[in-house]
Amino acid sequence: MKPLVIVTRKLPLAVEKRMQELFNVKLNDDDHPFTKDELLCAVQEATVLVPTVTDKIEAEIINAAGTNFKMIANFGVGINHVDLASARARMITVTNTPGVLTEDTAEMAFSLMLGIMRRVNEGERMLRAGKWQGWAPTDMHGTRLFGKKIGIIGMGRIGQALAKRAKAFGMGIHYHNRNPIHQDLEAEFGATYWQSLDQMITQMDVISLNCPYTDETHHLMNNHRLGLMQKHAYLINTARGEVIDEKILIEKLSSGEIRGAGLDVYENEPQVKKDFLTLENVVLAPHMGSATTEARQAMGDKVIINVKTFLDGHSPRDRVIS
């Protein structure tokens, strides 16, 4: 019997068919999120688990794994839902799917920015509700992107892809990163590096969060930093919901201390704070940054390559730990 691969969510059909050809695989046909008990059973039975961001692979689950459990092949880039320390202690290989959703996530960040600054969603709601009275010179004024300064927090693949789009719209590119990017890239974007995140925030018209979620970035945008934003500024988040203190953000959006926000991720997904739903100055998307046919297929292809490489006795290219 081939080693068992258990997939926790329904994947694109072509990906599942290829998995069935290559592996002894157990699929999730009804696409329900696995419960904790189901995850515990899966790691006791499988050699490879293919989870997604909806699965909390905590220390308790990893420590309960059977002796045959050897690999977590994550469907997605972010791995903050996996207890890496426990996986490392158990010598379990962990992989992810980097590089294939860069353009898609950057597109989503830019869509949120356009949507909130030009009041697209607000206008659509008004029109659908039958409240539009026709064009008027003083109606639905938004904010022009051209000439505005965007501060990108996290200048990795996605941050750079966002910078390309922002430059094409005539925006000034600024960024904060652990280290400056290569000077050739800085010149290409016309980008300015800020060593001080706080100082950058005070000068920007838009702040976009494109950093990974870690202990260091938990509530990176806290009361202090949200308070540094200019009153006319906008906040965009396609990273992870935990990077923002949502309670404080709601307070500042409600009071007008921040003009608007575009959010694709939330602290306690799929639950979204009810106060967000009542605010006109926020665009909300259901964690769909990578939700294109192309990206999800490519993510699945990466998972297949990682699993096959591992089961063939080699080290997967996209390993996070091994």
C-alpha atoms as a PDB file:
ATOM      1  CA  MET A   1       0.000   0.000   0.000  1.00  0.00           C
ATOM      2  CA  LYS A   2       1.307   3.430  -0.940  1.00  0.00           C
ATOM      3  CA  PRO A   3       1.760   6.007   1.844  1.00  0.00           C
ATOM      4  CA  LEU A   4      -1.553   7.748   2.577  1.00  0.00           C
ATOM      5  CA  VAL A   5      -1.996  11.423   1.673  1.00  0.00           C
ATOM      6  CA  ILE A   6      -4.953  13.149   3.354  1.00  0.00           C
ATOM      7  CA  VAL A   7      -6.263  16.430   1.913  1.00  0.00           C
ATOM      8  CA  THR A   8      -8.300  18.578   4.315  1.00  0.00           C
ATOM      9  CA  ARG A   9     -10.258  20.707   1.814  1.00  0.00           C
ATOM     10  CA  LYS A  10     -11.616  20.282  -1.701  1.00  0.00           C
ATOM     11  CA  LEU A  11      -9.006  21.336  -4.272  1.00  0.00           C
ATOM     12  CA  PRO A  12      -9.349  22.157  -7.993  1.00  0.00           C
ATOM     13  CA  LEU A  13     -10.608  19.112  -9.893  1.00  0.00           C
ATOM     14  CA  ALA A  14      -7.499  18.754 -12.063  1.00  0.00           C
ATOM     15  CA  VAL A  15      -5.321  18.791  -8.935  1.00  0.00           C
ATOM     16  CA  GLU A  16      -7.399  16.114  -7.227  1.00  0.00           C
ATOM     17  CA  LYS A  17      -7.371  13.906 -10.351  1.00  0.00           C
ATOM     18  CA  ARG A  18      -3.587  14.121 -10.590  1.00  0.00           C
ATOM     19  CA  MET A  19      -3.262  13.300  -6.896  1.00  0.00           C
ATOM     20  CA  GLN A  20      -5.419  10.210  -7.394  1.00  0.00           C
ATOM     21  CA  GLU A  21      -3.145   9.111 -10.239  1.00  0.00           C
ATOM     22  CA  LEU A  22       0.033   9.555  -8.208  1.00  0.00           C
ATOM     23  CA  PHE A  23      -0.855   8.835  -4.601  1.00  0.00           C
ATOM     24  CA  ASN A  24      -2.987   6.808  -2.246  1.00  0.00           C
ATOM     25  CA  VAL A  25      -5.078   9.862  -1.399  1.00  0.00           C
ATOM     26  CA  LYS A  26      -8.107  10.564   0.769  1.00  0.00           C
ATOM     27  CA  LEU A  27      -9.977  13.664  -0.453  1.00  0.00           C
ATOM     28  CA  ASN A  28     -12.536  15.906   1.228  1.00  0.00           C
ATOM     29  CA  ASP A  29     -15.454  15.584  -1.192  1.00  0.00           C
ATOM     30  CA  ASP A  30     -17.903  17.834   0.673  1.00  0.00           C
ATOM     31  CA  ASP A  31     -15.279  20.526   1.442  1.00  0.00           C
ATOM     32  CA  HIS A  32     -16.129  20.847   5.133  1.00  0.00           C
ATOM     33  CA  PRO A  33     -13.407  22.371   7.349  1.00  0.00           C
ATOM     34  CA  PHE A  34     -11.798  19.599   9.402  1.00  0.00           C
ATOM     35  CA  THR A  35     -12.598  19.557  13.098  1.00  0.00           C
ATOM     36  CA  LYS A  36      -9.852  19.121  15.660  1.00  0.00           C
ATOM     37  CA  ASP A  37     -10.846  15.476  16.094  1.00  0.00           C
ATOM     38  CA  GLU A  38     -10.650  14.930  12.335  1.00  0.00           C
ATOM     39  CA  LEU A  39      -7.173  16.452  12.243  1.00  0.00           C
ATOM     40  CA  LEU A  40      -6.092  14.225  15.139  1.00  0.00           C
ATOM     41  CA  CYS A  41      -7.351  11.155  13.275  1.00  0.00           C
ATOM     42  CA  ALA A  42      -5.710  12.311  10.041  1.00  0.00           C
ATOM     43  CA  VAL A  43      -2.205  12.668  11.488  1.00  0.00           C
ATOM     44  CA  GLN A  44      -2.512   9.270  13.184  1.00  0.00           C
ATOM     45  CA  GLU A  45      -3.456   7.631   9.892  1.00  0.00           C
ATOM     46  CA  ALA A  46      -1.582   9.521   7.172  1.00  0.00           C
ATOM     47  CA  THR A  47       1.999   9.847   6.041  1.00  0.00           C
ATOM     48  CA  VAL A  48       1.298  13.235   4.458  1.00  0.00           C
ATOM     49  CA  LEU A  49      -1.263  15.868   5.425  1.00  0.00           C
ATOM     50  CA  VAL A  50      -2.258  18.569   2.935  1.00  0.00           C
ATOM     51  CA  PRO A  51      -3.870  21.326   5.045  1.00  0.00           C
ATOM     52  CA  THR A  52      -4.938  24.882   4.290  1.00  0.00           C
ATOM     53  CA  VAL A  53      -5.157  28.106   6.272  1.00  0.00           C
ATOM     54  CA  THR A  54      -8.444  26.917   7.820  1.00  0.00           C
ATOM     55  CA  ASP A  55      -6.646  24.100   9.672  1.00  0.00           C
ATOM     56  CA  LYS A  56      -4.969  24.845  12.998  1.00  0.00           C
ATOM     57  CA  ILE A  57      -2.139  22.333  13.162  1.00  0.00           C
ATOM     58  CA  GLU A  58      -1.299  22.893  16.814  1.00  0.00           C
ATOM     59  CA  ALA A  59       1.324  21.201  18.972  1.00  0.00           C
ATOM     60  CA  GLU A  60      -1.294  18.830  20.408  1.00  0.00           C
ATOM     61  CA  ILE A  61      -2.136  17.568  16.935  1.00  0.00           C
ATOM     62  CA  ILE A  62       1.465  17.160  15.817  1.00  0.00           C
ATOM     63  CA  ASN A  63       2.446  15.410  19.048  1.00  0.00           C
ATOM     64  CA  ALA A  64      -0.446  12.972  18.582  1.00  0.00           C
ATOM     65  CA  ALA A  65       0.736  11.974  15.111  1.00  0.00           C
ATOM     66  CA  GLY A  66       1.453   8.356  14.305  1.00  0.00           C
ATOM     67  CA  THR A  67       4.927   7.025  13.607  1.00  0.00           C
ATOM     68  CA  ASN A  68       4.237   7.048   9.842  1.00  0.00           C
ATOM     69  CA  PHE A  69       3.370  10.755   9.770  1.00  0.00           C
ATOM     70  CA  LYS A  70       6.245  12.513   8.008  1.00  0.00           C
ATOM     71  CA  MET A  71       5.062  15.568   6.087  1.00  0.00           C
ATOM     72  CA  ILE A  72       2.776  18.626   6.151  1.00  0.00           C
ATOM     73  CA  ALA A  73       2.403  19.889   2.558  1.00  0.00           C
ATOM     74  CA  ASN A  74       0.539  23.144   3.049  1.00  0.00           C
ATOM     75  CA  PHE A  75      -1.776  24.409   0.298  1.00  0.00           C
ATOM     76  CA  GLY A  76      -0.845  28.088   0.600  1.00  0.00           C
ATOM     77  CA  VAL A  77       2.073  30.348   1.415  1.00  0.00           C
ATOM     78  CA  GLY A  78       1.265  31.419   4.970  1.00  0.00           C
ATOM     79  CA  ILE A  79       2.135  28.816   7.602  1.00  0.00           C
ATOM     80  CA  ASN A  80       1.281  30.642  10.825  1.00  0.00           C
ATOM     81  CA  HIS A  81      -1.460  28.021  11.380  1.00  0.00           C
ATOM     82  CA  VAL A  82       1.203  25.291  11.756  1.00  0.00           C
ATOM     83  CA  ASP A  83       3.209  24.847  14.959  1.00  0.00           C
ATOM     84  CA  LEU A  84       6.615  24.721  13.315  1.00  0.00           C
ATOM     85  CA  ALA A  85       8.522  24.144  16.546  1.00  0.00           C
ATOM     86  CA  SER A  86       6.577  20.957  17.230  1.00  0.00           C
ATOM     87  CA  ALA A  87       6.980  19.816  13.635  1.00  0.00           C
ATOM     88  CA  ARG A  88      10.714  20.391  13.828  1.00  0.00           C
ATOM     89  CA  ALA A  89      10.947  18.479  17.094  1.00  0.00           C
ATOM     90  CA  ARG A  90       9.149  15.523  15.502  1.00  0.00           C
ATOM     91  CA  MET A  91      11.336  15.811  12.350  1.00  0.00           C
ATOM     92  CA  ILE A  92       8.262  16.411  10.183  1.00  0.00           C
ATOM     93  CA  THR A  93       8.911  18.101   6.852  1.00  0.00           C
ATOM     94  CA  VAL A  94       6.772  21.192   6.195  1.00  0.00           C
ATOM     95  CA  THR A  95       6.344  22.760   2.751  1.00  0.00           C
ATOM     96  CA  ASN A  96       4.290  25.615   1.322  1.00  0.00           C
ATOM     97  CA  THR A  97       3.472  27.054  -2.117  1.00  0.00           C
ATOM     98  CA  PRO A  98       5.394  30.327  -2.584  1.00  0.00           C
ATOM     99  CA  GLY A  99       5.685  32.408  -5.718  1.00  0.00           C
ATOM    100  CA  VAL A 100       2.503  31.349  -7.529  1.00  0.00           C
ATOM    101  CA  LEU A 101      -0.025  33.738  -5.995  1.00  0.00           C
ATOM    102  CA  THR A 102       2.108  36.867  -5.992  1.00  0.00           C
ATOM    103  CA  GLU A 103       0.373  38.647  -8.856  1.00  0.00           C
ATOM    104  CA  ASP A 104      -3.084  37.618  -7.690  1.00  0.00           C
ATOM    105  CA  THR A 105      -2.610  38.933  -4.155  1.00  0.00           C
ATOM    106  CA  ALA A 106      -1.085  42.160  -5.454  1.00  0.00           C
ATOM    107  CA  GLU A 107      -4.114  42.571  -7.730  1.00  0.00           C
ATOM    108  CA  MET A 108      -6.404  42.125  -4.743  1.00  0.00           C
ATOM    109  CA  ALA A 109      -4.522  44.729  -2.714  1.00  0.00           C
ATOM    110  CA  PHE A 110      -4.783  47.163  -5.589  1.00  0.00           C
ATOM    111  CA  SER A 111      -8.477  46.340  -6.080  1.00  0.00           C
ATOM    112  CA  LEU A 112      -9.160  47.111  -2.429  1.00  0.00           C
ATOM    113  CA  MET A 113      -7.232  50.355  -2.726  1.00  0.00           C
ATOM    114  CA  LEU A 114      -9.176  51.429  -5.809  1.00  0.00           C
ATOM    115  CA  GLY A 115     -12.441  50.296  -4.298  1.00  0.00           C
ATOM    116  CA  ILE A 116     -12.125  52.259  -1.072  1.00  0.00           C
ATOM    117  CA  MET A 117     -10.414  55.365  -2.448  1.00  0.00           C
ATOM    118  CA  ARG A 118     -12.846  55.738  -5.369  1.00  0.00           C
ATOM    119  CA  ARG A 119     -15.821  54.585  -3.262  1.00  0.00           C
ATOM    120  CA  VAL A 120     -16.738  51.886  -5.785  1.00  0.00           C
ATOM    121  CA  ASN A 121     -18.485  49.517  -3.369  1.00  0.00           C
ATOM    122  CA  GLU A 122     -20.301  52.367  -1.663  1.00  0.00           C
ATOM    123  CA  GLY A 123     -21.558  53.613  -5.023  1.00  0.00           C
ATOM    124  CA  GLU A 124     -22.682  50.161  -6.094  1.00  0.00           C
ATOM    125  CA  ARG A 125     -24.650  49.675  -2.861  1.00  0.00           C
ATOM    126  CA  MET A 126     -26.366  53.013  -3.403  1.00  0.00           C
ATOM    127  CA  LEU A 127     -27.251  52.152  -6.993  1.00  0.00           C
ATOM    128  CA  ARG A 128     -28.557  48.659  -6.138  1.00  0.00           C
ATOM    129  CA  ALA A 129     -30.686  50.149  -3.376  1.00  0.00           C
ATOM    130  CA  GLY A 130     -32.327  52.460  -5.910  1.00  0.00           C
ATOM    131  CA  LYS A 131     -30.988  55.577  -4.187  1.00  0.00           C
ATOM    132  CA  TRP A 132     -28.997  57.033  -7.095  1.00  0.00           C
ATOM    133  CA  GLN A 133     -30.578  60.252  -8.343  1.00  0.00           C
ATOM    134  CA  GLY A 134     -28.245  60.752 -11.311  1.00  0.00           C
ATOM    135  CA  TRP A 135     -24.924  62.468 -11.860  1.00  0.00           C
ATOM    136  CA  ALA A 136     -24.179  65.559  -9.763  1.00  0.00           C
ATOM    137  CA  PRO A 137     -21.042  67.739  -9.482  1.00  0.00           C
ATOM    138  CA  THR A 138     -20.748  67.220  -5.744  1.00  0.00           C
ATOM    139  CA  ASP A 139     -21.756  63.544  -5.593  1.00  0.00           C
ATOM    140  CA  MET A 140     -19.562  60.571  -4.541  1.00  0.00           C
ATOM    141  CA  HIS A 141     -16.219  62.350  -4.354  1.00  0.00           C
ATOM    142  CA  GLY A 142     -13.426  59.890  -3.788  1.00  0.00           C
ATOM    143  CA  THR A 143      -9.664  60.262  -3.711  1.00  0.00           C
ATOM    144  CA  ARG A 144      -7.363  60.271  -6.744  1.00  0.00           C
ATOM    145  CA  LEU A 145      -4.562  57.662  -6.630  1.00  0.00           C
ATOM    146  CA  PHE A 146      -2.273  59.608  -8.955  1.00  0.00           C
ATOM    147  CA  GLY A 147       0.329  61.542  -7.001  1.00  0.00           C
ATOM    148  CA  LYS A 148      -0.414  59.844  -3.692  1.00  0.00           C
ATOM    149  CA  LYS A 149       2.250  58.176  -1.546  1.00  0.00           C
ATOM    150  CA  ILE A 150       1.870  54.494  -0.730  1.00  0.00           C
ATOM    151  CA  GLY A 151       3.804  52.950   2.147  1.00  0.00           C
ATOM    152  CA  ILE A 152       4.298  49.218   1.633  1.00  0.00           C
ATOM    153  CA  ILE A 153       5.036  47.227   4.778  1.00  0.00           C
ATOM    154  CA  GLY A 154       6.811  44.079   3.617  1.00  0.00           C
ATOM    155  CA  MET A 155       8.660  44.399   0.309  1.00  0.00           C
ATOM    156  CA  GLY A 156       8.832  40.751  -0.675  1.00  0.00           C
ATOM    157  CA  ARG A 157       7.356  39.267  -3.847  1.00  0.00           C
ATOM    158  CA  ILE A 158       3.847  40.602  -3.233  1.00  0.00           C
ATOM    159  CA  GLY A 159       5.018  43.995  -2.020  1.00  0.00           C
ATOM    160  CA  GLN A 160       7.144  44.403  -5.147  1.00  0.00           C
ATOM    161  CA  ALA A 161       4.283  43.326  -7.419  1.00  0.00           C
ATOM    162  CA  LEU A 162       2.089  45.921  -5.713  1.00  0.00           C
ATOM    163  CA  ALA A 163       4.805  48.553  -6.156  1.00  0.00           C
ATOM    164  CA  LYS A 164       4.819  47.931  -9.927  1.00  0.00           C
ATOM    165  CA  ARG A 165       1.089  48.539 -10.108  1.00  0.00           C
ATOM    166  CA  ALA A 166       1.207  51.591  -7.889  1.00  0.00           C
ATOM    167  CA  LYS A 167       4.004  53.118  -9.965  1.00  0.00           C
ATOM    168  CA  ALA A 168       1.945  52.601 -13.123  1.00  0.00           C
ATOM    169  CA  PHE A 169      -0.820  54.659 -11.508  1.00  0.00           C
ATOM    170  CA  GLY A 170       1.592  57.479 -10.774  1.00  0.00           C
ATOM    171  CA  MET A 171       1.906  56.856  -7.049  1.00  0.00           C
ATOM    172  CA  GLY A 172       5.039  57.539  -5.028  1.00  0.00           C
ATOM    173  CA  ILE A 173       6.516  54.269  -3.716  1.00  0.00           C
ATOM    174  CA  HIS A 174       7.769  54.045  -0.143  1.00  0.00           C
ATOM    175  CA  TYR A 175       8.448  50.918   1.864  1.00  0.00           C
ATOM    176  CA  HIS A 176       9.530  49.471   5.193  1.00  0.00           C
ATOM    177  CA  ASN A 177      11.245  46.111   5.253  1.00  0.00           C
ATOM    178  CA  ARG A 178      13.653  44.231   7.480  1.00  0.00           C
ATOM    179  CA  ASN A 179      16.344  45.156   4.966  1.00  0.00           C
ATOM    180  CA  PRO A 180      16.379  47.415   1.895  1.00  0.00           C
ATOM    181  CA  ILE A 181      15.725  45.699  -1.422  1.00  0.00           C
ATOM    182  CA  HIS A 182      18.427  45.683  -4.115  1.00  0.00           C
ATOM    183  CA  GLN A 183      19.294  49.159  -5.347  1.00  0.00           C
ATOM    184  CA  ASP A 184      18.388  48.209  -8.917  1.00  0.00           C
ATOM    185  CA  LEU A 185      14.852  47.348  -7.798  1.00  0.00           C
ATOM    186  CA  GLU A 186      14.650  50.548  -5.789  1.00  0.00           C
ATOM    187  CA  ALA A 187      15.611  52.470  -8.918  1.00  0.00           C
ATOM    188  CA  GLU A 188      13.079  50.555 -11.028  1.00  0.00           C
ATOM    189  CA  PHE A 189      10.250  51.453  -8.654  1.00  0.00           C
ATOM    190  CA  GLY A 190      11.606  54.869  -7.742  1.00  0.00           C
ATOM    191  CA  ALA A 191      11.138  53.589  -4.201  1.00  0.00           C
ATOM    192  CA  THR A 192      12.217  55.158  -0.923  1.00  0.00           C
ATOM    193  CA  TYR A 193      13.279  52.920   1.969  1.00  0.00           C
ATOM    194  CA  TRP A 194      12.258  53.900   5.494  1.00  0.00           C
ATOM    195  CA  GLN A 195      14.158  52.250   8.319  1.00  0.00           C
ATOM    196  CA  SER A 196      11.673  53.711  10.785  1.00  0.00           C
ATOM    197  CA  LEU A 197       8.187  52.287  10.277  1.00  0.00           C
ATOM    198  CA  ASP A 198       6.657  54.922  12.540  1.00  0.00           C
ATOM    199  CA  GLN A 199       8.149  57.780  10.583  1.00  0.00           C
ATOM    200  CA  MET A 200       6.981  56.319   7.275  1.00  0.00           C
ATOM    201  CA  ILE A 201       3.416  55.898   8.497  1.00  0.00           C
ATOM    202  CA  THR A 202       3.112  59.574   9.391  1.00  0.00           C
ATOM    203  CA  GLN A 203       3.892  60.640   5.821  1.00  0.00           C
ATOM    204  CA  MET A 204       1.790  58.221   3.737  1.00  0.00           C
ATOM    205  CA  ASP A 205      -1.576  58.559   2.025  1.00  0.00           C
ATOM    206  CA  VAL A 206      -1.964  54.764   1.853  1.00  0.00           C
ATOM    207  CA  ILE A 207      -0.498  52.023   4.044  1.00  0.00           C
ATOM    208  CA  SER A 208      -0.516  48.498   2.570  1.00  0.00           C
ATOM    209  CA  LEU A 209       0.260  45.461   4.725  1.00  0.00           C
ATOM    210  CA  ASN A 210       2.144  42.792   2.775  1.00  0.00           C
ATOM    211  CA  CYS A 211       4.272  41.278   5.532  1.00  0.00           C
ATOM    212  CA  PRO A 212       4.144  37.714   6.889  1.00  0.00           C
ATOM    213  CA  TYR A 213       2.388  37.076  10.184  1.00  0.00           C
ATOM    214  CA  THR A 214       4.817  36.279  13.003  1.00  0.00           C
ATOM    215  CA  ASP A 215       5.075  36.974  16.711  1.00  0.00           C
ATOM    216  CA  GLU A 216       6.831  40.230  15.780  1.00  0.00           C
ATOM    217  CA  THR A 217       4.056  41.384  13.446  1.00  0.00           C
ATOM    218  CA  HIS A 218       1.140  40.481  15.726  1.00  0.00           C
ATOM    219  CA  HIS A 219      -0.907  43.709  16.008  1.00  0.00           C
ATOM    220  CA  LEU A 220       1.848  45.557  14.190  1.00  0.00           C
ATOM    221  CA  MET A 221      -0.802  48.155  13.433  1.00  0.00           C
ATOM    222  CA  ASN A 222      -1.738  48.832  17.032  1.00  0.00           C
ATOM    223  CA  ASN A 223      -3.183  51.880  18.755  1.00  0.00           C
ATOM    224  CA  HIS A 224       0.118  53.728  18.487  1.00  0.00           C
ATOM    225  CA  ARG A 225       0.719  53.116  14.785  1.00  0.00           C
ATOM    226  CA  LEU A 226      -2.887  53.507  13.706  1.00  0.00           C
ATOM    227  CA  GLY A 227      -2.757  56.796  15.578  1.00  0.00           C
ATOM    228  CA  LEU A 228       0.215  57.878  13.457  1.00  0.00           C
ATOM    229  CA  MET A 229      -1.756  57.639  10.212  1.00  0.00           C
ATOM    230  CA  GLN A 230      -2.884  60.863   8.645  1.00  0.00           C
ATOM    231  CA  LYS A 231      -6.593  61.615   8.884  1.00  0.00           C
ATOM    232  CA  HIS A 232      -7.014  61.355   5.103  1.00  0.00           C
ATOM    233  CA  ALA A 233      -5.057  58.074   4.851  1.00  0.00           C
ATOM    234  CA  TYR A 234      -6.239  54.578   3.935  1.00  0.00           C
ATOM    235  CA  LEU A 235      -5.180  51.156   5.281  1.00  0.00           C
ATOM    236  CA  ILE A 236      -5.061  48.054   3.041  1.00  0.00           C
ATOM    237  CA  ASN A 237      -4.549  44.519   4.381  1.00  0.00           C
ATOM    238  CA  THR A 238      -4.028  41.376   2.294  1.00  0.00           C
ATOM    239  CA  ALA A 239      -1.486  39.848   4.710  1.00  0.00           C
ATOM    240  CA  ARG A 240      -3.112  38.315   7.805  1.00  0.00           C
ATOM    241  CA  GLY A 241      -5.866  39.720   9.987  1.00  0.00           C
ATOM    242  CA  GLU A 242      -3.778  39.380  13.139  1.00  0.00           C
ATOM    243  CA  VAL A 243      -1.389  42.072  11.901  1.00  0.00           C
ATOM    244  CA  ILE A 244      -4.029  44.691  12.820  1.00  0.00           C
ATOM    245  CA  ASP A 245      -5.671  45.382  16.175  1.00  0.00           C
ATOM    246  CA  GLU A 246      -9.165  45.326  14.695  1.00  0.00           C
ATOM    247  CA  LYS A 247     -10.866  46.851  17.741  1.00  0.00           C
ATOM    248  CA  ILE A 248      -8.686  49.954  17.476  1.00  0.00           C
ATOM    249  CA  LEU A 249      -9.086  50.130  13.695  1.00  0.00           C
ATOM    250  CA  ILE A 250     -12.874  50.120  14.040  1.00  0.00           C
ATOM    251  CA  GLU A 251     -12.671  52.941  16.578  1.00  0.00           C
ATOM    252  CA  LYS A 252     -10.510  55.066  14.298  1.00  0.00           C
ATOM    253  CA  LEU A 253     -12.615  54.397  11.204  1.00  0.00           C
ATOM    254  CA  SER A 254     -15.772  55.241  13.147  1.00  0.00           C
ATOM    255  CA  SER A 255     -14.351  58.491  14.504  1.00  0.00           C
ATOM    256  CA  GLY A 256     -12.890  59.578  11.164  1.00  0.00           C
ATOM    257  CA  GLU A 257      -9.302  59.445  12.437  1.00  0.00           C
ATOM    258  CA  ILE A 258      -8.563  57.202   9.447  1.00  0.00           C
ATOM    259  CA  ARG A 259     -10.448  57.848   6.219  1.00  0.00           C
ATOM    260  CA  GLY A 260     -10.925  54.290   5.066  1.00  0.00           C
ATOM    261  CA  ALA A 261      -9.704  50.696   4.889  1.00  0.00           C
ATOM    262  CA  GLY A 262      -9.739  47.759   2.483  1.00  0.00           C
ATOM    263  CA  LEU A 263      -9.550  44.341   4.159  1.00  0.00           C
ATOM    264  CA  ASP A 264      -9.277  40.841   2.736  1.00  0.00           C
ATOM    265  CA  VAL A 265      -8.238  39.083   5.962  1.00  0.00           C
ATOM    266  CA  TYR A 266      -9.473  39.082   9.561  1.00  0.00           C
ATOM    267  CA  GLU A 267      -8.330  38.102  13.032  1.00  0.00           C
ATOM    268  CA  ASN A 268     -10.867  35.332  13.661  1.00  0.00           C
ATOM    269  CA  GLU A 269     -11.841  34.048  10.237  1.00  0.00           C
ATOM    270  CA  PRO A 270     -14.478  33.265   9.145  1.00  0.00           C
ATOM    271  CA  GLN A 271     -15.995  35.471  11.853  1.00  0.00           C
ATOM    272  CA  VAL A 272     -15.810  39.186  11.016  1.00  0.00           C
ATOM    273  CA  LYS A 273     -16.462  41.826  13.664  1.00  0.00           C
ATOM    274  CA  LYS A 274     -20.013  43.101  13.237  1.00  0.00           C
ATOM    275  CA  ASP A 275     -18.902  46.724  13.538  1.00  0.00           C
ATOM    276  CA  PHE A 276     -17.006  46.385  10.249  1.00  0.00           C
ATOM    277  CA  LEU A 277     -20.278  45.496   8.513  1.00  0.00           C
ATOM    278  CA  THR A 278     -21.909  48.772   9.533  1.00  0.00           C
ATOM    279  CA  LEU A 279     -19.114  51.051   8.323  1.00  0.00           C
ATOM    280  CA  GLU A 280     -19.376  52.733   4.915  1.00  0.00           C
ATOM    281  CA  ASN A 281     -15.665  53.616   4.840  1.00  0.00           C
ATOM    282  CA  VAL A 282     -14.367  50.058   4.631  1.00  0.00           C
ATOM    283  CA  VAL A 283     -14.313  47.579   1.729  1.00  0.00           C
ATOM    284  CA  LEU A 284     -14.534  43.963   2.916  1.00  0.00           C
ATOM    285  CA  ALA A 285     -13.520  40.893   0.908  1.00  0.00           C
ATOM    286  CA  PRO A 286     -13.744  37.237   2.068  1.00  0.00           C
ATOM    287  CA  HIS A 287     -10.033  36.272   2.020  1.00  0.00           C
ATOM    288  CA  MET A 288      -9.915  35.960  -1.758  1.00  0.00           C
ATOM    289  CA  GLY A 289      -6.451  37.313  -2.531  1.00  0.00           C
ATOM    290  CA  SER A 290      -5.342  34.078  -4.199  1.00  0.00           C
ATOM    291  CA  ALA A 291      -8.802  33.203  -5.516  1.00  0.00           C
ATOM    292  CA  THR A 292      -8.095  32.954  -9.217  1.00  0.00           C
ATOM    293  CA  THR A 293      -8.315  29.776 -11.255  1.00  0.00           C
ATOM    294  CA  GLU A 294      -4.693  30.203 -12.274  1.00  0.00           C
ATOM    295  CA  ALA A 295      -3.330  30.686  -8.753  1.00  0.00           C
ATOM    296  CA  ARG A 296      -5.242  27.840  -7.136  1.00  0.00           C
ATOM    297  CA  GLN A 297      -4.210  25.429  -9.906  1.00  0.00           C
ATOM    298  CA  ALA A 298      -0.586  26.498  -9.533  1.00  0.00           C
ATOM    299  CA  MET A 299      -0.791  26.062  -5.761  1.00  0.00           C
ATOM    300  CA  GLY A 300      -2.091  22.553  -6.249  1.00  0.00           C
ATOM    301  CA  ASP A 301       0.666  21.758  -8.733  1.00  0.00           C
ATOM    302  CA  LYS A 302       3.238  22.902  -6.172  1.00  0.00           C
ATOM    303  CA  VAL A 303       1.712  20.684  -3.499  1.00  0.00           C
ATOM    304  CA  ILE A 304       1.872  17.697  -5.847  1.00  0.00           C
ATOM    305  CA  ILE A 305       5.517  18.333  -6.706  1.00  0.00           C
ATOM    306  CA  ASN A 306       6.428  18.777  -3.042  1.00  0.00           C
ATOM    307  CA  VAL A 307       4.676  15.575  -1.983  1.00  0.00           C
ATOM    308  CA  LYS A 308       6.018  13.487  -4.865  1.00  0.00           C
ATOM    309  CA  THR A 309       9.556  14.761  -4.330  1.00  0.00           C
ATOM    310  CA  PHE A 310       9.346  13.880  -0.654  1.00  0.00           C
ATOM    311  CA  LEU A 311       7.839  10.431  -1.190  1.00  0.00           C
ATOM    312  CA  ASP A 312      10.518   9.733  -3.802  1.00  0.00           C
ATOM    313  CA  GLY A 313      13.120  10.257  -1.080  1.00  0.00           C
ATOM    314  CA  HIS A 314      14.290  13.758  -1.967  1.00  0.00           C
ATOM    315  CA  SER A 315      14.121  17.133  -0.262  1.00  0.00           C
ATOM    316  CA  PRO A 316      11.213  19.265  -1.578  1.00  0.00           C
ATOM    317  CA  ARG A 317      12.170  22.603  -3.069  1.00  0.00           C
ATOM    318  CA  ASP A 318       9.517  24.492  -1.121  1.00  0.00           C
ATOM    319  CA  ARG A 319      10.364  23.089   2.287  1.00  0.00           C
ATOM    320  CA  VAL A 320       9.962  25.426   5.248  1.00  0.00           C
ATOM    321  CA  ILE A 321      11.534  22.931   7.635  1.00  0.00           C
ATOM    322  CA  SER A 322      12.836  19.441   7.000  1.00  0.00           C
END
